[in-house]
């Protein structure tokens, strides 16, 4: 959903919210999200694109929170 350009922004914003919730650093289970490592760069790229193009404050905040949470769980996701 996040990487599909045909999906409307409001739906992508909701998807960003789900990513933010499941990657929350307050959840003990977030270490079980290691299977995301295969597509983490694709997800981050989509979230960054959503942050750049959205005019909605909520979508921006949800996307930014998801980015922050992912990089908290996996600092190497930021790059070398």
C-alpha atoms as a PDB file:
ATOM      1  CA  UNK A   1       0.000   0.000   0.000  1.00  0.00           C
ATOM      2  CA  UNK A   2       2.790   2.425   0.881  1.00  0.00           C
ATOM      3  CA  UNK A   3       4.731   1.739  -2.302  1.00  0.00           C
ATOM      4  CA  UNK A   4       1.751   1.672  -4.682  1.00  0.00           C
ATOM      5  CA  UNK A   5       1.434   5.057  -6.383  1.00  0.00           C
ATOM      6  CA  UNK A   6      -2.176   4.323  -7.336  1.00  0.00           C
ATOM      7  CA  UNK A   7      -3.262   4.201  -3.676  1.00  0.00           C
ATOM      8  CA  UNK A   8      -4.720   7.483  -2.435  1.00  0.00           C
ATOM      9  CA  UNK A   9      -2.777   9.463   0.132  1.00  0.00           C
ATOM     10  CA  UNK A  10      -5.289   9.054   2.926  1.00  0.00           C
ATOM     11  CA  UNK A  11      -4.983   5.268   2.701  1.00  0.00           C
ATOM     12  CA  UNK A  12      -1.195   5.498   2.593  1.00  0.00           C
ATOM     13  CA  UNK A  13      -1.377   7.706   5.680  1.00  0.00           C
ATOM     14  CA  UNK A  14      -3.384   5.032   7.476  1.00  0.00           C
ATOM     15  CA  UNK A  15      -0.801   2.442   6.437  1.00  0.00           C
ATOM     16  CA  UNK A  16       1.939   4.686   7.820  1.00  0.00           C
ATOM     17  CA  UNK A  17      -0.010   4.800  11.075  1.00  0.00           C
ATOM     18  CA  UNK A  18      -0.104   1.008  11.227  1.00  0.00           C
ATOM     19  CA  UNK A  19       3.649   0.858  10.615  1.00  0.00           C
ATOM     20  CA  UNK A  20       4.176   3.444  13.362  1.00  0.00           C
ATOM     21  CA  UNK A  21       2.090   1.387  15.778  1.00  0.00           C
ATOM     22  CA  UNK A  22       3.701  -1.985  15.110  1.00  0.00           C
ATOM     23  CA  UNK A  23       7.198  -0.515  15.270  1.00  0.00           C
ATOM     24  CA  UNK A  24       6.611   1.477  18.445  1.00  0.00           C
ATOM     25  CA  UNK A  25       9.675   1.241  20.710  1.00  0.00           C
ATOM     26  CA  UNK A  26       7.425   0.761  23.746  1.00  0.00           C
ATOM     27  CA  UNK A  27       6.307  -2.624  22.417  1.00  0.00           C
ATOM     28  CA  UNK A  28       8.417  -5.567  23.510  1.00  0.00           C
ATOM     29  CA  UNK A  29       7.478  -7.451  20.369  1.00  0.00           C
ATOM     30  CA  UNK A  30       9.112  -5.002  17.974  1.00  0.00           C
ATOM     31  CA  UNK A  31      12.273  -7.110  17.919  1.00  0.00           C
ATOM     32  CA  UNK A  32      10.169  -9.806  16.252  1.00  0.00           C
ATOM     33  CA  UNK A  33       9.847  -7.557  13.231  1.00  0.00           C
ATOM     34  CA  UNK A  34      13.180  -8.722  11.852  1.00  0.00           C
ATOM     35  CA  UNK A  35      11.355 -10.044   8.783  1.00  0.00           C
ATOM     36  CA  UNK A  36      10.877  -6.402   7.786  1.00  0.00           C
ATOM     37  CA  UNK A  37      14.613  -6.104   7.167  1.00  0.00           C
ATOM     38  CA  UNK A  38      14.173  -7.502   3.658  1.00  0.00           C
ATOM     39  CA  UNK A  39      11.985  -4.591   2.609  1.00  0.00           C
ATOM     40  CA  UNK A  40      12.982  -1.899   5.119  1.00  0.00           C
ATOM     41  CA  UNK A  41      14.607   0.381   2.536  1.00  0.00           C
ATOM     42  CA  UNK A  42      11.537   0.195   0.300  1.00  0.00           C
ATOM     43  CA  UNK A  43       9.285   1.048   3.259  1.00  0.00           C
ATOM     44  CA  UNK A  44      11.519   3.925   4.369  1.00  0.00           C
ATOM     45  CA  UNK A  45      11.670   5.325   0.842  1.00  0.00           C
ATOM     46  CA  UNK A  46       7.873   5.212   0.611  1.00  0.00           C
ATOM     47  CA  UNK A  47       7.472   6.868   4.024  1.00  0.00           C
ATOM     48  CA  UNK A  48       9.973   9.602   3.156  1.00  0.00           C
ATOM     49  CA  UNK A  49       8.149  10.241  -0.122  1.00  0.00           C
ATOM     50  CA  UNK A  50       4.859  10.466   1.729  1.00  0.00           C
ATOM     51  CA  UNK A  51       6.375  12.990   4.158  1.00  0.00           C
ATOM     52  CA  UNK A  52       7.663  15.088   1.272  1.00  0.00           C
ATOM     53  CA  UNK A  53       4.471  15.250  -0.754  1.00  0.00           C
ATOM     54  CA  UNK A  54       1.694  15.316   1.829  1.00  0.00           C
ATOM     55  CA  UNK A  55      -0.033  18.506   2.829  1.00  0.00           C
ATOM     56  CA  UNK A  56      -1.800  16.790   5.703  1.00  0.00           C
ATOM     57  CA  UNK A  57      -0.349  17.253   9.150  1.00  0.00           C
ATOM     58  CA  UNK A  58      -1.606  13.907  10.428  1.00  0.00           C
ATOM     59  CA  UNK A  59      -0.168  11.984   7.475  1.00  0.00           C
ATOM     60  CA  UNK A  60       3.156  13.740   7.929  1.00  0.00           C
ATOM     61  CA  UNK A  61       3.275  12.975  11.653  1.00  0.00           C
ATOM     62  CA  UNK A  62       2.313   9.320  11.190  1.00  0.00           C
ATOM     63  CA  UNK A  63       4.921   8.868   8.465  1.00  0.00           C
ATOM     64  CA  UNK A  64       7.606  10.621  10.492  1.00  0.00           C
ATOM     65  CA  UNK A  65       6.749   8.516  13.553  1.00  0.00           C
ATOM     66  CA  UNK A  66       7.029   5.333  11.510  1.00  0.00           C
ATOM     67  CA  UNK A  67      10.422   6.449  10.182  1.00  0.00           C
ATOM     68  CA  UNK A  68      11.634   7.294  13.679  1.00  0.00           C
ATOM     69  CA  UNK A  69      10.433   3.978  15.085  1.00  0.00           C
ATOM     70  CA  UNK A  70      12.055   1.944  12.315  1.00  0.00           C
ATOM     71  CA  UNK A  71      15.371   3.695  12.753  1.00  0.00           C
ATOM     72  CA  UNK A  72      15.128   3.230  16.530  1.00  0.00           C
ATOM     73  CA  UNK A  73      14.664  -0.521  16.082  1.00  0.00           C
ATOM     74  CA  UNK A  74      17.272  -0.804  13.319  1.00  0.00           C
ATOM     75  CA  UNK A  75      19.760   2.092  13.270  1.00  0.00           C
ATOM     76  CA  UNK A  76      21.438   0.587  10.202  1.00  0.00           C
ATOM     77  CA  UNK A  77      18.254   1.379   8.248  1.00  0.00           C
ATOM     78  CA  UNK A  78      19.538   4.953   7.991  1.00  0.00           C
ATOM     79  CA  UNK A  79      22.389   3.772   5.792  1.00  0.00           C
ATOM     80  CA  UNK A  80      26.103   3.238   6.317  1.00  0.00           C
END
